[in-house]
């Protein structure tokens, strides 16, 4: 089983059905549901996902989606050390730095999935877009 860390943008693509990105994001989550991968998401992503989804859904519907998400993913704690590392990094985007250091905090992570791969140029972990990740998880497809 592969262990993949997913950036907030991919999760929002999936849950908000953002076109044209939602299909690849859904395929990625299906791979996890099929048991080929375990998905990890930063705890701070939940705040951002809530904020975006709440713009078009009720509080109750948004919380229900987040609860369902928590059932099929692993939530990665954002620690004091992660915040401090993120503040001292030369990532151009602070939120991406938090995502990166969350992923790096777990030795089992095989790669990071994001639509903004160029934002993770400094990553020591492999970084893929959703299409690349699905292809690597389903080499016969």
Protein backbone atom coordinates (compact mmCIF):
# COMPACT_ATOMS: atom_id res chain seq x y z
CA UNK A 1 0.00 0.00 0.00
CA UNK A 2 1.23 3.47 -0.89
CA UNK A 3 1.03 6.40 1.52
CA UNK A 4 0.20 9.71 -0.12
CA UNK A 5 -0.10 13.19 1.28
CA UNK A 6 -2.69 15.31 -0.51
CA UNK A 7 -2.56 19.08 -0.73
CA UNK A 8 -5.68 21.07 0.11
CA UNK A 9 -6.39 22.09 -3.47
CA UNK A 10 -6.89 18.48 -4.59
CA UNK A 11 -9.26 17.73 -1.72
CA UNK A 12 -11.32 20.82 -2.53
CA UNK A 13 -11.40 19.81 -6.22
CA UNK A 14 -12.90 16.49 -5.16
CA UNK A 15 -15.40 17.71 -2.56
CA UNK A 16 -16.51 20.86 -4.39
CA UNK A 17 -16.61 19.14 -7.78
CA UNK A 18 -14.37 21.85 -9.24
CA UNK A 19 -14.17 21.39 -12.98
CA UNK A 20 -12.09 20.32 -14.81
CA UNK A 21 -10.06 18.97 -11.87
CA UNK A 22 -12.64 16.95 -9.93
CA UNK A 23 -12.48 13.77 -12.03
CA UNK A 24 -8.78 13.15 -11.40
CA UNK A 25 -9.18 14.01 -7.73
CA UNK A 26 -12.09 11.55 -7.48
CA UNK A 27 -10.02 8.84 -9.15
CA UNK A 28 -7.32 9.43 -6.56
CA UNK A 29 -9.79 9.00 -3.69
CA UNK A 30 -11.20 5.87 -5.37
CA UNK A 31 -7.72 4.35 -5.37
CA UNK A 32 -7.65 4.87 -1.60
CA UNK A 33 -11.13 3.43 -1.12
CA UNK A 34 -9.99 0.39 -3.15
CA UNK A 35 -7.18 -0.13 -0.62
CA UNK A 36 -4.25 0.67 -2.92
CA UNK A 37 -3.27 3.79 -1.00
CA UNK A 38 -3.73 5.56 2.29
CA UNK A 39 -4.41 9.28 2.06
CA UNK A 40 -3.02 11.78 4.56
CA UNK A 41 -4.29 15.35 4.92
CA UNK A 42 -2.97 18.13 7.12
CA UNK A 43 -5.23 19.14 10.00
CA UNK A 44 -4.96 22.76 8.85
CA UNK A 45 -6.48 21.75 5.51
CA UNK A 46 -9.78 21.11 7.23
CA UNK A 47 -10.10 24.82 8.06
CA UNK A 48 -9.42 25.82 4.47
CA UNK A 49 -11.72 23.16 3.04
CA UNK A 50 -14.51 24.24 5.39
CA UNK A 51 -14.09 27.87 4.38
CA UNK A 52 -14.34 27.11 0.65
CA UNK A 53 -17.17 24.57 0.86
CA UNK A 54 -19.19 26.74 3.23
CA UNK A 55 -19.52 29.37 0.51
CA UNK A 56 -21.88 27.06 -1.39
CA UNK A 57 -23.15 24.60 1.23
CA UNK A 58 -24.89 24.84 4.57
CA UNK A 59 -22.88 24.40 7.75
CA UNK A 60 -24.54 21.01 8.32
CA UNK A 61 -23.74 19.76 4.80
CA UNK A 62 -20.16 21.02 5.01
CA UNK A 63 -19.56 19.35 8.38
CA UNK A 64 -21.06 16.12 7.03
CA UNK A 65 -18.61 16.14 4.10
CA UNK A 66 -15.67 16.84 6.39
CA UNK A 67 -16.76 14.03 8.69
CA UNK A 68 -16.95 11.63 5.74
CA UNK A 69 -13.53 12.84 4.60
CA UNK A 70 -12.09 12.11 8.04
CA UNK A 71 -13.35 8.53 7.78
CA UNK A 72 -11.36 7.78 4.61
CA UNK A 73 -8.19 9.76 5.37
CA UNK A 74 -5.57 10.14 8.04
CA UNK A 75 -5.37 13.59 9.63
CA UNK A 76 -1.82 14.83 10.15
CA UNK A 77 -1.29 17.04 13.20
CA UNK A 78 0.24 20.46 12.68
CA UNK A 79 2.77 20.73 15.46
CA UNK A 80 4.80 23.52 16.95
CA UNK A 81 7.85 22.14 15.13
CA UNK A 82 6.04 22.14 11.79
CA UNK A 83 4.95 25.76 12.24
CA UNK A 84 8.47 26.81 13.21
CA UNK A 85 10.03 24.96 10.26
CA UNK A 86 7.48 26.51 7.90
CA UNK A 87 8.28 30.00 9.16
CA UNK A 88 11.99 29.52 8.46
CA UNK A 89 11.74 27.93 5.05
CA UNK A 90 12.28 29.53 1.69
CA UNK A 91 8.99 28.22 0.26
CA UNK A 92 7.22 31.06 -1.52
CA UNK A 93 3.85 30.11 -0.04
CA UNK A 94 3.55 29.66 3.73
CA UNK A 95 0.55 27.30 3.47
CA UNK A 96 2.53 25.07 1.07
CA UNK A 97 5.39 25.02 3.55
CA UNK A 98 3.03 23.78 6.26
CA UNK A 99 1.73 21.09 3.90
CA UNK A 100 5.27 20.05 3.02
CA UNK A 101 6.52 19.80 6.59
CA UNK A 102 3.41 17.88 7.62
CA UNK A 103 4.14 15.36 4.86
CA UNK A 104 7.81 15.25 5.79
CA UNK A 105 6.93 14.55 9.44
CA UNK A 106 5.63 11.11 8.45
CA UNK A 107 8.37 8.74 7.26
CA UNK A 108 5.84 6.48 5.51
CA UNK A 109 4.78 9.16 2.99
CA UNK A 110 5.72 8.06 -0.55
CA UNK A 111 4.81 11.29 -2.34
CA UNK A 112 2.84 14.53 -2.22
CA UNK A 113 -0.09 15.17 -4.57
CA UNK A 114 -0.91 18.75 -5.57
CA UNK A 115 -2.08 20.63 -8.61
CA UNK A 116 0.64 23.19 -7.93
CA UNK A 117 3.73 21.01 -8.31
CA UNK A 118 5.94 24.02 -9.08
CA UNK A 119 5.20 25.35 -5.58
CA UNK A 120 6.96 22.29 -4.16
CA UNK A 121 10.21 22.60 -6.15
CA UNK A 122 12.23 22.45 -2.95
CA UNK A 123 10.61 19.20 -1.79
CA UNK A 124 12.81 16.24 -0.97
CA UNK A 125 9.74 14.03 -1.37
CA UNK A 126 8.46 13.20 -4.86
CA UNK A 127 5.64 15.54 -5.91
CA UNK A 128 2.98 14.61 -8.46
CA UNK A 129 -0.17 16.09 -9.88
CA UNK A 130 -3.36 13.99 -9.47
CA UNK A 131 -3.08 12.43 -12.96
CA UNK A 132 0.49 11.34 -12.34
CA UNK A 133 -0.42 9.97 -8.92
CA UNK A 134 -3.35 7.94 -10.25
CA UNK A 135 -1.14 6.57 -13.05
CA UNK A 136 1.54 5.56 -10.56
CA UNK A 137 -1.03 3.84 -8.34
CA UNK A 138 -2.74 2.10 -11.30
CA UNK A 139 0.11 1.30 -13.69
CA UNK A 140 -2.15 -0.92 -15.85
CA UNK A 141 -4.63 1.92 -16.56
